[in-house]
Amino acid sequence: MNLPLILAALVVAYLLGSIPTALWVGRRFYGLDVREHGSGNAGATNTFRVLGKKPGSFVLVVDALKGFVAAYFLPQFLVAQGAIPPEHEVYYRLACGVLAVIGHIYPVFAQFRGGKGVATILGMMLGVAPATVAVCLVVFLTVLLLTRYVSLSSMTAGITFAFLQLLPQFRPPQPFLVYVGFILAALLVYTHRANIGRLRAGTESRVPLFGRK
């Protein structure tokens, strides 16, 4: 094992996650800090709400890529360099992915005020369990179409991911991945705790779909 290279990859994973896409897009092209508008969150959903569909879509894609690159390519690089054995790659996919998510939520480049981690978790899990994520995307879109609540859709998809891994069709070869799924689901619920309060109070914002308000 090459400990310095492993540590460097872990740091890079966190720094990738720390790229404050929504904040930089808002400041560079619109002259505003998205954290001072809408929900006060530096994520894709608030970017859609504050800046519109094009910047929101860009932020969504980049934030998901942060998680995917960290969880998929960084561990492959470590294997290619002989820093870790191939059979340990899945552990580093999770480690790098989780660090990217932490970086997104607590970004060093944005005073540790980031997003809620939904898009970055999506990218991370695409690099770890793509088939399970595909089902969760269907769940997310279904709940979104029925309720128009992005927060509820995100939490439902995250919880679905955790429970899907208990089924034989989606059970990962490494049992500890099941625990990681539940930890990520709990993290999503935790970062959406303010949204849960607004959902219970009936004051949570709905996203317009197909021209609906």
C-alpha atoms as a PDB file:
ATOM      1  CA  MET A   1       0.000   0.000   0.000  1.00  0.00           C
ATOM      2  CA  ASN A   2       1.100   3.537  -0.774  1.00  0.00           C
ATOM      3  CA  LEU A   3      -0.153   5.545   2.196  1.00  0.00           C
ATOM      4  CA  PRO A   4       0.863   9.037   0.919  1.00  0.00           C
ATOM      5  CA  LEU A   5      -0.939   8.441  -2.383  1.00  0.00           C
ATOM      6  CA  ILE A   6      -4.016   7.102  -0.579  1.00  0.00           C
ATOM      7  CA  LEU A   7      -4.133  10.142   1.702  1.00  0.00           C
ATOM      8  CA  ALA A   8      -3.708  12.437  -1.300  1.00  0.00           C
ATOM      9  CA  ALA A   9      -6.654  10.757  -3.056  1.00  0.00           C
ATOM     10  CA  LEU A  10      -8.834  11.136   0.038  1.00  0.00           C
ATOM     11  CA  VAL A  11      -7.962  14.839   0.275  1.00  0.00           C
ATOM     12  CA  VAL A  12      -8.706  15.301  -3.430  1.00  0.00           C
ATOM     13  CA  ALA A  13     -12.091  13.607  -2.926  1.00  0.00           C
ATOM     14  CA  TYR A  14     -13.007  16.098  -0.204  1.00  0.00           C
ATOM     15  CA  LEU A  15     -11.759  19.040  -2.273  1.00  0.00           C
ATOM     16  CA  LEU A  16     -13.775  17.842  -5.279  1.00  0.00           C
ATOM     17  CA  GLY A  17     -16.884  17.768  -3.139  1.00  0.00           C
ATOM     18  CA  SER A  18     -16.034  21.210  -1.778  1.00  0.00           C
ATOM     19  CA  ILE A  19     -16.341  22.876  -5.185  1.00  0.00           C
ATOM     20  CA  PRO A  20     -19.317  25.201  -4.495  1.00  0.00           C
ATOM     21  CA  THR A  21     -20.883  25.003  -7.935  1.00  0.00           C
ATOM     22  CA  ALA A  22     -24.090  26.855  -7.091  1.00  0.00           C
ATOM     23  CA  LEU A  23     -22.228  29.613  -5.271  1.00  0.00           C
ATOM     24  CA  TRP A  24     -19.712  30.180  -8.050  1.00  0.00           C
ATOM     25  CA  VAL A  25     -22.327  30.116 -10.815  1.00  0.00           C
ATOM     26  CA  GLY A  26     -24.507  32.585  -8.933  1.00  0.00           C
ATOM     27  CA  ARG A  27     -21.677  34.992  -8.231  1.00  0.00           C
ATOM     28  CA  ARG A  28     -19.979  34.764 -11.626  1.00  0.00           C
ATOM     29  CA  PHE A  29     -23.005  35.026 -13.911  1.00  0.00           C
ATOM     30  CA  TYR A  30     -25.728  36.606 -11.777  1.00  0.00           C
ATOM     31  CA  GLY A  31     -23.862  38.638  -9.190  1.00  0.00           C
ATOM     32  CA  LEU A  32     -25.578  37.031  -6.202  1.00  0.00           C
ATOM     33  CA  ASP A  33     -25.023  34.457  -3.511  1.00  0.00           C
ATOM     34  CA  VAL A  34     -27.734  31.785  -3.813  1.00  0.00           C
ATOM     35  CA  ARG A  35     -27.382  31.161  -0.081  1.00  0.00           C
ATOM     36  CA  GLU A  36     -28.933  34.561   0.530  1.00  0.00           C
ATOM     37  CA  HIS A  37     -32.045  33.738  -1.506  1.00  0.00           C
ATOM     38  CA  GLY A  38     -34.735  31.070  -1.676  1.00  0.00           C
ATOM     39  CA  SER A  39     -34.113  28.308   0.833  1.00  0.00           C
ATOM     40  CA  GLY A  40     -30.636  29.617   1.644  1.00  0.00           C
ATOM     41  CA  ASN A  41     -29.086  26.396   0.357  1.00  0.00           C
ATOM     42  CA  ALA A  42     -26.122  26.158  -2.026  1.00  0.00           C
ATOM     43  CA  GLY A  43     -27.435  23.225  -4.013  1.00  0.00           C
ATOM     44  CA  ALA A  44     -29.092  22.414  -7.303  1.00  0.00           C
ATOM     45  CA  THR A  45     -32.683  22.717  -6.069  1.00  0.00           C
ATOM     46  CA  ASN A  46     -32.207  26.238  -4.750  1.00  0.00           C
ATOM     47  CA  THR A  47     -30.323  27.153  -7.925  1.00  0.00           C
ATOM     48  CA  PHE A  48     -33.328  26.033  -9.959  1.00  0.00           C
ATOM     49  CA  ARG A  49     -35.550  28.095  -7.673  1.00  0.00           C
ATOM     50  CA  VAL A  50     -33.421  31.255  -7.644  1.00  0.00           C
ATOM     51  CA  LEU A  51     -31.627  31.288 -11.010  1.00  0.00           C
ATOM     52  CA  GLY A  52     -33.708  29.090 -13.317  1.00  0.00           C
ATOM     53  CA  LYS A  53     -33.561  25.842 -15.251  1.00  0.00           C
ATOM     54  CA  LYS A  54     -30.289  26.237 -17.175  1.00  0.00           C
ATOM     55  CA  PRO A  55     -28.045  27.153 -14.233  1.00  0.00           C
ATOM     56  CA  GLY A  56     -29.937  24.686 -12.042  1.00  0.00           C
ATOM     57  CA  SER A  57     -29.337  21.878 -14.527  1.00  0.00           C
ATOM     58  CA  PHE A  58     -25.653  22.776 -14.787  1.00  0.00           C
ATOM     59  CA  VAL A  59     -25.236  22.753 -11.008  1.00  0.00           C
ATOM     60  CA  LEU A  60     -27.089  19.425 -10.743  1.00  0.00           C
ATOM     61  CA  VAL A  61     -24.820  17.751 -13.305  1.00  0.00           C
ATOM     62  CA  VAL A  62     -21.579  19.133 -11.864  1.00  0.00           C
ATOM     63  CA  ASP A  63     -22.528  18.292  -8.281  1.00  0.00           C
ATOM     64  CA  ALA A  64     -23.375  14.723  -9.318  1.00  0.00           C
ATOM     65  CA  LEU A  65     -20.099  14.467 -11.234  1.00  0.00           C
ATOM     66  CA  LYS A  66     -18.192  15.450  -8.101  1.00  0.00           C
ATOM     67  CA  GLY A  67     -19.508  12.366  -6.327  1.00  0.00           C
ATOM     68  CA  PHE A  68     -19.066  10.087  -9.341  1.00  0.00           C
ATOM     69  CA  VAL A  69     -15.483  11.128 -10.087  1.00  0.00           C
ATOM     70  CA  ALA A  70     -14.518  10.782  -6.433  1.00  0.00           C
ATOM     71  CA  ALA A  71     -16.157   7.375  -5.975  1.00  0.00           C
ATOM     72  CA  TYR A  72     -15.307   5.844  -9.346  1.00  0.00           C
ATOM     73  CA  PHE A  73     -12.154   7.310 -10.863  1.00  0.00           C
ATOM     74  CA  LEU A  74     -10.045   8.086  -7.785  1.00  0.00           C
ATOM     75  CA  PRO A  75     -10.121   4.465  -6.513  1.00  0.00           C
ATOM     76  CA  GLN A  76      -9.386   3.203 -10.037  1.00  0.00           C
ATOM     77  CA  PHE A  77      -6.369   5.501 -10.092  1.00  0.00           C
ATOM     78  CA  LEU A  78      -5.181   4.070  -6.774  1.00  0.00           C
ATOM     79  CA  VAL A  79      -5.496   0.528  -8.130  1.00  0.00           C
ATOM     80  CA  ALA A  80      -3.687   1.447 -11.358  1.00  0.00           C
ATOM     81  CA  GLN A  81      -0.834   2.967  -9.356  1.00  0.00           C
ATOM     82  CA  GLY A  82      -0.579  -0.104  -7.153  1.00  0.00           C
ATOM     83  CA  ALA A  83      -1.468   1.932  -4.075  1.00  0.00           C
ATOM     84  CA  ILE A  84      -4.263  -0.470  -3.091  1.00  0.00           C
ATOM     85  CA  PRO A  85      -5.105  -4.052  -4.110  1.00  0.00           C
ATOM     86  CA  PRO A  86      -8.053  -4.425  -6.520  1.00  0.00           C
ATOM     87  CA  GLU A  87     -10.108  -6.326  -3.949  1.00  0.00           C
ATOM     88  CA  HIS A  88     -10.060  -3.243  -1.708  1.00  0.00           C
ATOM     89  CA  GLU A  89     -11.295  -0.866  -4.395  1.00  0.00           C
ATOM     90  CA  VAL A  90     -14.920  -0.891  -3.197  1.00  0.00           C
ATOM     91  CA  TYR A  91     -13.854   0.329   0.241  1.00  0.00           C
ATOM     92  CA  TYR A  92     -12.082   3.305  -1.283  1.00  0.00           C
ATOM     93  CA  ARG A  93     -15.023   4.003  -3.585  1.00  0.00           C
ATOM     94  CA  LEU A  94     -17.111   4.462  -0.490  1.00  0.00           C
ATOM     95  CA  ALA A  95     -14.452   6.415   1.399  1.00  0.00           C
ATOM     96  CA  CYS A  96     -13.794   8.816  -1.480  1.00  0.00           C
ATOM     97  CA  GLY A  97     -17.505   9.165  -2.215  1.00  0.00           C
ATOM     98  CA  VAL A  98     -18.400   9.925   1.386  1.00  0.00           C
ATOM     99  CA  LEU A  99     -15.624  12.517   1.600  1.00  0.00           C
ATOM    100  CA  ALA A 100     -16.970  14.177  -1.539  1.00  0.00           C
ATOM    101  CA  VAL A 101     -20.433  14.324   0.031  1.00  0.00           C
ATOM    102  CA  ILE A 102     -18.998  15.797   3.233  1.00  0.00           C
ATOM    103  CA  GLY A 103     -17.133  18.332   1.108  1.00  0.00           C
ATOM    104  CA  HIS A 104     -20.350  19.323  -0.641  1.00  0.00           C
ATOM    105  CA  ILE A 105     -22.201  19.807   2.652  1.00  0.00           C
ATOM    106  CA  TYR A 106     -19.250  21.478   4.407  1.00  0.00           C
ATOM    107  CA  PRO A 107     -17.134  23.004   1.602  1.00  0.00           C
ATOM    108  CA  VAL A 108     -13.783  24.476   2.565  1.00  0.00           C
ATOM    109  CA  PHE A 109     -14.086  26.869  -0.399  1.00  0.00           C
ATOM    110  CA  ALA A 110     -17.378  28.364   0.849  1.00  0.00           C
ATOM    111  CA  GLN A 111     -17.019  28.894   4.596  1.00  0.00           C
ATOM    112  CA  PHE A 112     -18.317  25.337   5.185  1.00  0.00           C
ATOM    113  CA  ARG A 113     -21.834  26.386   4.078  1.00  0.00           C
ATOM    114  CA  GLY A 114     -22.792  24.080   1.238  1.00  0.00           C
ATOM    115  CA  GLY A 115     -25.697  22.063  -0.077  1.00  0.00           C
ATOM    116  CA  LYS A 116     -27.609  19.085   1.252  1.00  0.00           C
ATOM    117  CA  GLY A 117     -25.670  16.461  -0.638  1.00  0.00           C
ATOM    118  CA  VAL A 118     -28.450  14.980  -2.779  1.00  0.00           C
ATOM    119  CA  ALA A 119     -26.783  15.321  -6.191  1.00  0.00           C
ATOM    120  CA  THR A 120     -23.358  14.361  -4.862  1.00  0.00           C
ATOM    121  CA  ILE A 121     -24.772  11.273  -3.133  1.00  0.00           C
ATOM    122  CA  LEU A 122     -26.461  10.401  -6.427  1.00  0.00           C
ATOM    123  CA  GLY A 123     -23.142  10.618  -8.263  1.00  0.00           C
ATOM    124  CA  MET A 124     -21.358   8.676  -5.562  1.00  0.00           C
ATOM    125  CA  MET A 125     -23.842   5.810  -5.613  1.00  0.00           C
ATOM    126  CA  LEU A 126     -23.823   5.713  -9.407  1.00  0.00           C
ATOM    127  CA  GLY A 127     -20.169   4.820  -9.022  1.00  0.00           C
ATOM    128  CA  VAL A 128     -20.941   2.100  -6.476  1.00  0.00           C
ATOM    129  CA  ALA A 129     -24.391   0.607  -7.237  1.00  0.00           C
ATOM    130  CA  PRO A 130     -25.750   1.913 -10.569  1.00  0.00           C
ATOM    131  CA  ALA A 131     -28.623  -0.588 -10.890  1.00  0.00           C
ATOM    132  CA  THR A 132     -30.025   0.321  -7.478  1.00  0.00           C
ATOM    133  CA  VAL A 133     -29.671   4.022  -8.251  1.00  0.00           C
ATOM    134  CA  ALA A 134     -31.670   3.580 -11.462  1.00  0.00           C
ATOM    135  CA  VAL A 135     -34.653   2.306  -9.483  1.00  0.00           C
ATOM    136  CA  CYS A 136     -34.276   5.159  -6.990  1.00  0.00           C
ATOM    137  CA  LEU A 137     -34.339   7.695  -9.817  1.00  0.00           C
ATOM    138  CA  VAL A 138     -37.712   6.284 -10.895  1.00  0.00           C
ATOM    139  CA  VAL A 139     -38.930   6.617  -7.304  1.00  0.00           C
ATOM    140  CA  PHE A 140     -37.641  10.187  -7.119  1.00  0.00           C
ATOM    141  CA  LEU A 141     -39.376  11.225 -10.343  1.00  0.00           C
ATOM    142  CA  THR A 142     -42.624   9.492  -9.362  1.00  0.00           C
ATOM    143  CA  VAL A 143     -42.810  11.244  -5.983  1.00  0.00           C
ATOM    144  CA  LEU A 144     -41.824  14.546  -7.594  1.00  0.00           C
ATOM    145  CA  LEU A 145     -44.576  14.266 -10.217  1.00  0.00           C
ATOM    146  CA  LEU A 146     -47.150  13.373  -7.564  1.00  0.00           C
ATOM    147  CA  THR A 147     -46.179  15.957  -4.939  1.00  0.00           C
ATOM    148  CA  ARG A 148     -43.830  18.516  -6.584  1.00  0.00           C
ATOM    149  CA  TYR A 149     -41.727  18.437  -3.393  1.00  0.00           C
ATOM    150  CA  VAL A 150     -38.041  17.973  -4.252  1.00  0.00           C
ATOM    151  CA  SER A 151     -37.149  17.484  -0.594  1.00  0.00           C
ATOM    152  CA  LEU A 152     -39.681  14.696  -0.089  1.00  0.00           C
ATOM    153  CA  SER A 153     -38.644  13.079  -3.380  1.00  0.00           C
ATOM    154  CA  SER A 154     -34.965  13.142  -2.373  1.00  0.00           C
ATOM    155  CA  MET A 155     -35.552  11.642   1.059  1.00  0.00           C
ATOM    156  CA  THR A 156     -37.885   8.973  -0.334  1.00  0.00           C
ATOM    157  CA  ALA A 157     -35.326   7.974  -2.970  1.00  0.00           C
ATOM    158  CA  GLY A 158     -32.544   7.807  -0.375  1.00  0.00           C
ATOM    159  CA  ILE A 159     -34.587   5.648   1.980  1.00  0.00           C
ATOM    160  CA  THR A 160     -35.621   3.444  -0.942  1.00  0.00           C
ATOM    161  CA  PHE A 161     -31.958   2.902  -1.804  1.00  0.00           C
ATOM    162  CA  ALA A 162     -31.228   1.691   1.720  1.00  0.00           C
ATOM    163  CA  PHE A 163     -34.124  -0.786   1.808  1.00  0.00           C
ATOM    164  CA  LEU A 164     -33.615  -2.023  -1.765  1.00  0.00           C
ATOM    165  CA  GLN A 165     -30.237  -3.369  -0.709  1.00  0.00           C
ATOM    166  CA  LEU A 166     -32.017  -5.762   1.632  1.00  0.00           C
ATOM    167  CA  LEU A 167     -33.663  -7.484  -1.346  1.00  0.00           C
ATOM    168  CA  PRO A 168     -31.849 -10.404  -3.025  1.00  0.00           C
ATOM    169  CA  GLN A 169     -31.945  -8.684  -6.432  1.00  0.00           C
ATOM    170  CA  PHE A 170     -30.089  -5.614  -5.151  1.00  0.00           C
ATOM    171  CA  ARG A 171     -28.099  -7.039  -2.234  1.00  0.00           C
ATOM    172  CA  PRO A 172     -24.450  -5.983  -2.585  1.00  0.00           C
ATOM    173  CA  PRO A 173     -21.691  -8.604  -2.358  1.00  0.00           C
ATOM    174  CA  GLN A 174     -20.181  -6.729   0.592  1.00  0.00           C
ATOM    175  CA  PRO A 175     -22.674  -6.705   3.503  1.00  0.00           C
ATOM    176  CA  PHE A 176     -21.267  -3.497   4.966  1.00  0.00           C
ATOM    177  CA  LEU A 177     -22.618  -1.619   1.927  1.00  0.00           C
ATOM    178  CA  VAL A 178     -26.095  -2.147   3.353  1.00  0.00           C
ATOM    179  CA  TYR A 179     -25.089  -0.196   6.459  1.00  0.00           C
ATOM    180  CA  VAL A 180     -23.609   2.551   4.292  1.00  0.00           C
ATOM    181  CA  GLY A 181     -26.918   2.834   2.460  1.00  0.00           C
ATOM    182  CA  PHE A 182     -28.784   3.399   5.712  1.00  0.00           C
ATOM    183  CA  ILE A 183     -26.167   5.892   6.904  1.00  0.00           C
ATOM    184  CA  LEU A 184     -26.545   7.898   3.686  1.00  0.00           C
ATOM    185  CA  ALA A 185     -30.334   7.783   3.993  1.00  0.00           C
ATOM    186  CA  ALA A 186     -30.063   9.082   7.558  1.00  0.00           C
ATOM    187  CA  LEU A 187     -27.695  11.814   6.350  1.00  0.00           C
ATOM    188  CA  LEU A 188     -30.233  12.908   3.734  1.00  0.00           C
ATOM    189  CA  VAL A 189     -32.969  13.080   6.356  1.00  0.00           C
ATOM    190  CA  TYR A 190     -30.670  15.044   8.669  1.00  0.00           C
ATOM    191  CA  THR A 191     -29.727  17.625   6.034  1.00  0.00           C
ATOM    192  CA  HIS A 192     -33.431  18.007   5.170  1.00  0.00           C
ATOM    193  CA  ARG A 193     -34.580  18.484   8.762  1.00  0.00           C
ATOM    194  CA  ALA A 194     -35.684  22.080   8.068  1.00  0.00           C
ATOM    195  CA  ASN A 195     -37.630  20.848   5.032  1.00  0.00           C
ATOM    196  CA  ILE A 196     -39.331  18.224   7.186  1.00  0.00           C
ATOM    197  CA  GLY A 197     -40.522  20.990   9.484  1.00  0.00           C
ATOM    198  CA  ARG A 198     -41.909  22.941   6.540  1.00  0.00           C
ATOM    199  CA  LEU A 199     -43.561  19.825   5.104  1.00  0.00           C
ATOM    200  CA  ARG A 200     -45.315  19.209   8.405  1.00  0.00           C
ATOM    201  CA  ALA A 201     -46.386  22.847   8.562  1.00  0.00           C
ATOM    202  CA  GLY A 202     -47.554  22.860   4.942  1.00  0.00           C
ATOM    203  CA  THR A 203     -45.168  25.684   3.998  1.00  0.00           C
ATOM    204  CA  GLU A 204     -42.632  23.756   1.910  1.00  0.00           C
ATOM    205  CA  SER A 205     -42.158  25.185  -1.603  1.00  0.00           C
ATOM    206  CA  ARG A 206     -43.350  23.121  -4.542  1.00  0.00           C
ATOM    207  CA  VAL A 207     -41.510  23.123  -7.861  1.00  0.00           C
ATOM    208  CA  PRO A 208     -43.541  24.071 -10.955  1.00  0.00           C
ATOM    209  CA  LEU A 209     -43.871  21.228 -13.442  1.00  0.00           C
ATOM    210  CA  PHE A 210     -45.108  21.536 -17.023  1.00  0.00           C
ATOM    211  CA  GLY A 211     -45.960  25.172 -16.448  1.00  0.00           C
ATOM    212  CA  ARG A 212     -47.883  24.502 -13.232  1.00  0.00           C
ATOM    213  CA  LYS A 213     -47.463  26.908 -10.313  1.00  0.00           C
END
